[in-house]
Amino acid sequence: MTSTDMDPQTAVVMELIRGLLDLSRMADQNRTSADHKRAVIGALPCITGNLDALFGPDLIDAVFEQEEIK
């Protein structure tokens, strides 16, 4: 799926993940990738009000790859 044919809801979730990653970085720049991922996984359902937002850990991985988080 390219960015031009991405489902709008998927795009929103990816932007939420990116925002949560930014907040995690602000909270502690020394966190590991695993620490950031735990922060995102913990916060995403709180933001969306829906546990189904975690339908794609692959979305988290995709955003982390775009942000060069290894």
PDB file of N, CA and C in Angstrom:
ATOM      1  N   MET A   1       0.844  -1.173   0.000  1.00  0.00           N
ATOM      2  CA  MET A   1       0.000   0.000   0.000  1.00  0.00           C
ATOM      3  C   MET A   1       0.893   1.241   0.000  1.00  0.00           C
ATOM      4  N   THR A   2       0.634   2.132  -0.910  1.00  0.00           N
ATOM      5  CA  THR A   2       1.407   3.360  -0.962  1.00  0.00           C
ATOM      6  C   THR A   2       0.695   4.448  -0.172  1.00  0.00           C
ATOM      7  N   SER A   3       1.395   5.536   0.048  1.00  0.00           N
ATOM      8  CA  SER A   3       0.787   6.626   0.797  1.00  0.00           C
ATOM      9  C   SER A   3      -0.398   7.233   0.046  1.00  0.00           C
ATOM     10  N   THR A   4      -0.442   7.066  -1.266  1.00  0.00           N
ATOM     11  CA  THR A   4      -1.542   7.640  -2.036  1.00  0.00           C
ATOM     12  C   THR A   4      -2.817   6.822  -1.934  1.00  0.00           C
ATOM     13  N   ASP A   5      -2.711   5.522  -1.627  1.00  0.00           N
ATOM     14  CA  ASP A   5      -3.921   4.719  -1.511  1.00  0.00           C
ATOM     15  C   ASP A   5      -4.127   4.181  -0.093  1.00  0.00           C
ATOM     16  N   MET A   6      -3.503   4.806   0.899  1.00  0.00           N
ATOM     17  CA  MET A   6      -3.627   4.384   2.279  1.00  0.00           C
ATOM     18  C   MET A   6      -5.014   4.747   2.816  1.00  0.00           C
ATOM     19  N   ASP A   7      -5.599   3.828   3.548  1.00  0.00           N
ATOM     20  CA  ASP A   7      -6.867   4.074   4.211  1.00  0.00           C
ATOM     21  C   ASP A   7      -6.706   5.274   5.150  1.00  0.00           C
ATOM     22  N   PRO A   8      -7.638   6.212   5.133  1.00  0.00           N
ATOM     23  CA  PRO A   8      -7.505   7.398   5.982  1.00  0.00           C
ATOM     24  C   PRO A   8      -7.359   7.070   7.469  1.00  0.00           C
ATOM     25  N   GLN A   9      -8.071   6.072   7.954  1.00  0.00           N
ATOM     26  CA  GLN A   9      -7.965   5.712   9.370  1.00  0.00           C
ATOM     27  C   GLN A   9      -6.576   5.172   9.697  1.00  0.00           C
ATOM     28  N   THR A  10      -5.996   4.420   8.780  1.00  0.00           N
ATOM     29  CA  THR A  10      -4.639   3.919   8.976  1.00  0.00           C
ATOM     30  C   THR A  10      -3.653   5.080   9.049  1.00  0.00           C
ATOM     31  N   ALA A  11      -3.846   6.061   8.186  1.00  0.00           N
ATOM     32  CA  ALA A  11      -2.975   7.242   8.191  1.00  0.00           C
ATOM     33  C   ALA A  11      -3.089   7.994   9.516  1.00  0.00           C
ATOM     34  N   VAL A  12      -4.298   8.096  10.039  1.00  0.00           N
ATOM     35  CA  VAL A  12      -4.501   8.777  11.325  1.00  0.00           C
ATOM     36  C   VAL A  12      -3.784   8.029  12.434  1.00  0.00           C
ATOM     37  N   VAL A  13      -3.924   6.713  12.457  1.00  0.00           N
ATOM     38  CA  VAL A  13      -3.267   5.912  13.499  1.00  0.00           C
ATOM     39  C   VAL A  13      -1.756   6.056  13.397  1.00  0.00           C
ATOM     40  N   MET A  14      -1.229   6.062  12.186  1.00  0.00           N
ATOM     41  CA  MET A  14       0.217   6.222  12.028  1.00  0.00           C
ATOM     42  C   MET A  14       0.680   7.587  12.526  1.00  0.00           C
ATOM     43  N   GLU A  15      -0.106   8.631  12.291  1.00  0.00           N
ATOM     44  CA  GLU A  15       0.256   9.960  12.791  1.00  0.00           C
ATOM     45  C   GLU A  15       0.164  10.012  14.313  1.00  0.00           C
ATOM     46  N   LEU A  16      -0.818   9.332  14.887  1.00  0.00           N
ATOM     47  CA  LEU A  16      -0.903   9.245  16.347  1.00  0.00           C
ATOM     48  C   LEU A  16       0.334   8.546  16.911  1.00  0.00           C
ATOM     49  N   ILE A  17       0.739   7.460  16.270  1.00  0.00           N
ATOM     50  CA  ILE A  17       1.942   6.735  16.708  1.00  0.00           C
ATOM     51  C   ILE A  17       3.153   7.657  16.642  1.00  0.00           C
ATOM     52  N   ARG A  18       3.283   8.402  15.554  1.00  0.00           N
ATOM     53  CA  ARG A  18       4.407   9.326  15.389  1.00  0.00           C
ATOM     54  C   ARG A  18       4.386  10.391  16.499  1.00  0.00           C
ATOM     55  N   GLY A  19       3.218  10.907  16.812  1.00  0.00           N
ATOM     56  CA  GLY A  19       3.097  11.896  17.875  1.00  0.00           C
ATOM     57  C   GLY A  19       3.453  11.328  19.239  1.00  0.00           C
ATOM     58  N   LEU A  20       3.005  10.102  19.501  1.00  0.00           N
ATOM     59  CA  LEU A  20       3.335   9.458  20.775  1.00  0.00           C
ATOM     60  C   LEU A  20       4.829   9.176  20.869  1.00  0.00           C
ATOM     61  N   LEU A  21       5.441   8.810  19.761  1.00  0.00           N
ATOM     62  CA  LEU A  21       6.885   8.607  19.750  1.00  0.00           C
ATOM     63  C   LEU A  21       7.598   9.923  20.071  1.00  0.00           C
ATOM     64  N   ASP A  22       7.126  11.013  19.492  1.00  0.00           N
ATOM     65  CA  ASP A  22       7.721  12.326  19.801  1.00  0.00           C
ATOM     66  C   ASP A  22       7.617  12.635  21.290  1.00  0.00           C
ATOM     67  N   LEU A  23       6.454  12.374  21.880  1.00  0.00           N
ATOM     68  CA  LEU A  23       6.276  12.615  23.317  1.00  0.00           C
ATOM     69  C   LEU A  23       7.192  11.724  24.142  1.00  0.00           C
ATOM     70  N   SER A  24       7.328  10.476  23.733  1.00  0.00           N
ATOM     71  CA  SER A  24       8.210   9.556  24.443  1.00  0.00           C
ATOM     72  C   SER A  24       9.653  10.045  24.382  1.00  0.00           C
ATOM     73  N   ARG A  25      10.049  10.553  23.225  1.00  0.00           N
ATOM     74  CA  ARG A  25      11.403  11.108  23.077  1.00  0.00           C
ATOM     75  C   ARG A  25      11.595  12.321  23.977  1.00  0.00           C
ATOM     76  N   MET A  26      10.568  13.178  24.057  1.00  0.00           N
ATOM     77  CA  MET A  26      10.671  14.363  24.917  1.00  0.00           C
ATOM     78  C   MET A  26      10.786  13.968  26.384  1.00  0.00           C
ATOM     79  N   ALA A  27      10.077  12.923  26.769  1.00  0.00           N
ATOM     80  CA  ALA A  27      10.096  12.481  28.154  1.00  0.00           C
ATOM     81  C   ALA A  27      11.462  11.930  28.540  1.00  0.00           C
ATOM     82  N   ASP A  28      12.101  11.209  27.618  1.00  0.00           N
ATOM     83  CA  ASP A  28      13.405  10.615  27.926  1.00  0.00           C
ATOM     84  C   ASP A  28      14.090  10.226  26.627  1.00  0.00           C
ATOM     85  N   GLN A  29      15.053  11.016  26.223  1.00  0.00           N
ATOM     86  CA  GLN A  29      15.766  10.753  24.970  1.00  0.00           C
ATOM     87  C   GLN A  29      16.669   9.527  25.047  1.00  0.00           C
ATOM     88  N   ASN A  30      16.892   9.023  26.246  1.00  0.00           N
ATOM     89  CA  ASN A  30      17.765   7.864  26.400  1.00  0.00           C
ATOM     90  C   ASN A  30      17.019   6.538  26.372  1.00  0.00           C
ATOM     91  N   ARG A  31      15.717   6.583  26.125  1.00  0.00           N
ATOM     92  CA  ARG A  31      14.950   5.338  26.044  1.00  0.00           C
ATOM     93  C   ARG A  31      15.406   4.510  24.855  1.00  0.00           C
ATOM     94  N   THR A  32      15.314   3.209  25.035  1.00  0.00           N
ATOM     95  CA  THR A  32      15.607   2.304  23.928  1.00  0.00           C
ATOM     96  C   THR A  32      14.394   2.223  23.005  1.00  0.00           C
ATOM     97  N   SER A  33      14.574   1.611  21.869  1.00  0.00           N
ATOM     98  CA  SER A  33      13.469   1.393  20.948  1.00  0.00           C
ATOM     99  C   SER A  33      12.348   0.611  21.631  1.00  0.00           C
ATOM    100  N   ALA A  34      12.720  -0.393  22.399  1.00  0.00           N
ATOM    101  CA  ALA A  34      11.721  -1.201  23.109  1.00  0.00           C
ATOM    102  C   ALA A  34      10.964  -0.352  24.133  1.00  0.00           C
ATOM    103  N   ASP A  35      11.666   0.554  24.806  1.00  0.00           N
ATOM    104  CA  ASP A  35      11.011   1.447  25.763  1.00  0.00           C
ATOM    105  C   ASP A  35      10.020   2.375  25.053  1.00  0.00           C
ATOM    106  N   HIS A  36      10.435   2.924  23.919  1.00  0.00           N
ATOM    107  CA  HIS A  36       9.539   3.785  23.151  1.00  0.00           C
ATOM    108  C   HIS A  36       8.317   2.994  22.685  1.00  0.00           C
ATOM    109  N   LYS A  37       8.539   1.786  22.225  1.00  0.00           N
ATOM    110  CA  LYS A  37       7.432   0.963  21.737  1.00  0.00           C
ATOM    111  C   LYS A  37       6.441   0.677  22.861  1.00  0.00           C
ATOM    112  N   ARG A  38       6.945   0.375  24.069  1.00  0.00           N
ATOM    113  CA  ARG A  38       6.057   0.147  25.212  1.00  0.00           C
ATOM    114  C   ARG A  38       5.242   1.401  25.525  1.00  0.00           C
ATOM    115  N   ALA A  39       5.880   2.561  25.442  1.00  0.00           N
ATOM    116  CA  ALA A  39       5.169   3.822  25.700  1.00  0.00           C
ATOM    117  C   ALA A  39       4.051   4.027  24.677  1.00  0.00           C
ATOM    118  N   VAL A  40       4.349   3.786  23.413  1.00  0.00           N
ATOM    119  CA  VAL A  40       3.354   3.953  22.361  1.00  0.00           C
ATOM    120  C   VAL A  40       2.220   2.950  22.527  1.00  0.00           C
ATOM    121  N   ILE A  41       2.557   1.693  22.760  1.00  0.00           N
ATOM    122  CA  ILE A  41       1.536   0.650  22.923  1.00  0.00           C
ATOM    123  C   ILE A  41       0.651   0.935  24.132  1.00  0.00           C
ATOM    124  N   GLY A  42       1.242   1.468  25.198  1.00  0.00           N
ATOM    125  CA  GLY A  42       0.459   1.787  26.383  1.00  0.00           C
ATOM    126  C   GLY A  42      -0.452   2.986  26.198  1.00  0.00           C
ATOM    127  N   ALA A  43      -0.002   3.972  25.434  1.00  0.00           N
ATOM    128  CA  ALA A  43      -0.752   5.217  25.301  1.00  0.00           C
ATOM    129  C   ALA A  43      -1.773   5.209  24.166  1.00  0.00           C
ATOM    130  N   LEU A  44      -1.511   4.466  23.102  1.00  0.00           N
ATOM    131  CA  LEU A  44      -2.376   4.525  21.926  1.00  0.00           C
ATOM    132  C   LEU A  44      -3.840   4.199  22.231  1.00  0.00           C
ATOM    133  N   PRO A  45      -4.135   3.137  22.981  1.00  0.00           N
ATOM    134  CA  PRO A  45      -5.545   2.864  23.286  1.00  0.00           C
ATOM    135  C   PRO A  45      -6.177   3.954  24.152  1.00  0.00           C
ATOM    136  N   CYS A  46      -5.385   4.612  24.973  1.00  0.00           N
ATOM    137  CA  CYS A  46      -5.913   5.715  25.797  1.00  0.00           C
ATOM    138  C   CYS A  46      -6.323   6.891  24.920  1.00  0.00           C
ATOM    139  N   ILE A  47      -5.562   7.159  23.892  1.00  0.00           N
ATOM    140  CA  ILE A  47      -5.839   8.278  22.984  1.00  0.00           C
ATOM    141  C   ILE A  47      -7.034   7.956  22.091  1.00  0.00           C
ATOM    142  N   THR A  48      -7.067   6.754  21.547  1.00  0.00           N
ATOM    143  CA  THR A  48      -8.120   6.400  20.594  1.00  0.00           C
ATOM    144  C   THR A  48      -9.393   5.942  21.290  1.00  0.00           C
ATOM    145  N   GLY A  49      -9.267   5.506  22.554  1.00  0.00           N
ATOM    146  CA  GLY A  49     -10.428   4.959  23.250  1.00  0.00           C
ATOM    147  C   GLY A  49     -10.807   3.590  22.741  1.00  0.00           C
ATOM    148  N   ASN A  50      -9.869   2.948  22.085  1.00  0.00           N
ATOM    149  CA  ASN A  50     -10.178   1.690  21.422  1.00  0.00           C
ATOM    150  C   ASN A  50      -8.942   0.798  21.403  1.00  0.00           C
ATOM    151  N   LEU A  51      -9.069  -0.371  22.003  1.00  0.00           N
ATOM    152  CA  LEU A  51      -7.948  -1.311  21.982  1.00  0.00           C
ATOM    153  C   LEU A  51      -7.649  -1.818  20.584  1.00  0.00           C
ATOM    154  N   ASP A  52      -8.628  -1.748  19.689  1.00  0.00           N
ATOM    155  CA  ASP A  52      -8.403  -2.203  18.316  1.00  0.00           C
ATOM    156  C   ASP A  52      -7.403  -1.324  17.584  1.00  0.00           C
ATOM    157  N   ALA A  53      -7.072  -0.165  18.152  1.00  0.00           N
ATOM    158  CA  ALA A  53      -6.059   0.696  17.537  1.00  0.00           C
ATOM    159  C   ALA A  53      -4.722  -0.020  17.483  1.00  0.00           C
ATOM    160  N   LEU A  54      -4.565  -1.027  18.317  1.00  0.00           N
ATOM    161  CA  LEU A  54      -3.319  -1.795  18.320  1.00  0.00           C
ATOM    162  C   LEU A  54      -3.371  -2.932  17.312  1.00  0.00           C
ATOM    163  N   PHE A  55      -4.342  -2.861  16.380  1.00  0.00           N
ATOM    164  CA  PHE A  55      -4.491  -3.931  15.398  1.00  0.00           C
ATOM    165  C   PHE A  55      -3.227  -4.190  14.632  1.00  0.00           C
ATOM    166  N   GLY A  56      -2.360  -3.218  14.549  1.00  0.00           N
ATOM    167  CA  GLY A  56      -1.187  -3.421  13.733  1.00  0.00           C
ATOM    168  C   GLY A  56       0.092  -3.014  14.411  1.00  0.00           C
ATOM    169  N   PRO A  57       0.698  -3.929  15.168  1.00  0.00           N
ATOM    170  CA  PRO A  57       2.054  -3.616  15.616  1.00  0.00           C
ATOM    171  C   PRO A  57       2.937  -3.320  14.416  1.00  0.00           C
ATOM    172  N   ASP A  58       2.536  -3.840  13.244  1.00  0.00           N
ATOM    173  CA  ASP A  58       3.292  -3.542  12.032  1.00  0.00           C
ATOM    174  C   ASP A  58       3.225  -2.051  11.704  1.00  0.00           C
ATOM    175  N   LEU A  59       2.143  -1.368  12.105  1.00  0.00           N
ATOM    176  CA  LEU A  59       2.079   0.081  11.900  1.00  0.00           C
ATOM    177  C   LEU A  59       3.096   0.782  12.790  1.00  0.00           C
ATOM    178  N   ILE A  60       3.224   0.304  14.025  1.00  0.00           N
ATOM    179  CA  ILE A  60       4.218   0.873  14.926  1.00  0.00           C
ATOM    180  C   ILE A  60       5.610   0.657  14.330  1.00  0.00           C
ATOM    181  N   ASP A  61       5.867  -0.553  13.878  1.00  0.00           N
ATOM    182  CA  ASP A  61       7.168  -0.854  13.264  1.00  0.00           C
ATOM    183  C   ASP A  61       7.409   0.014  12.033  1.00  0.00           C
ATOM    184  N   ALA A  62       6.365   0.239  11.224  1.00  0.00           N
ATOM    185  CA  ALA A  62       6.511   1.052  10.018  1.00  0.00           C
ATOM    186  C   ALA A  62       6.873   2.493  10.381  1.00  0.00           C
ATOM    187  N   VAL A  63       6.205   3.044  11.394  1.00  0.00           N
ATOM    188  CA  VAL A  63       6.508   4.414  11.817  1.00  0.00           C
ATOM    189  C   VAL A  63       7.912   4.482  12.406  1.00  0.00           C
ATOM    190  N   PHE A  64       8.270   3.492  13.232  1.00  0.00           N
ATOM    191  CA  PHE A  64       9.613   3.484  13.821  1.00  0.00           C
ATOM    192  C   PHE A  64      10.668   3.421  12.721  1.00  0.00           C
ATOM    193  N   GLU A  65      10.403   2.649  11.674  1.00  0.00           N
ATOM    194  CA  GLU A  65      11.355   2.563  10.555  1.00  0.00           C
ATOM    195  C   GLU A  65      11.468   3.907   9.846  1.00  0.00           C
ATOM    196  N   GLN A  66      10.314   4.571   9.623  1.00  0.00           N
ATOM    197  CA  GLN A  66      10.325   5.881   8.974  1.00  0.00           C
ATOM    198  C   GLN A  66      11.090   6.898   9.814  1.00  0.00           C
ATOM    199  N   GLU A  67      10.991   6.778  11.127  1.00  0.00           N
ATOM    200  CA  GLU A  67      11.653   7.703  12.041  1.00  0.00           C
ATOM    201  C   GLU A  67      13.077   7.252  12.392  1.00  0.00           C
ATOM    202  N   GLU A  68      13.509   6.160  11.758  1.00  0.00           N
ATOM    203  CA  GLU A  68      14.847   5.598  11.948  1.00  0.00           C
ATOM    204  C   GLU A  68      15.123   5.210  13.402  1.00  0.00           C
ATOM    205  N   ILE A  69      14.085   4.641  14.049  1.00  0.00           N
ATOM    206  CA  ILE A  69      14.242   4.094  15.398  1.00  0.00           C
ATOM    207  C   ILE A  69      14.551   2.622  15.260  1.00  0.00           C
ATOM    208  N   LYS A  70      15.700   2.223  15.754  1.00  0.00           N
ATOM    209  CA  LYS A  70      16.113   0.823  15.614  1.00  0.00           C
ATOM    210  C   LYS A  70      16.148   0.144  16.949  1.00  0.00           C
TER     211      LYS A  70
END
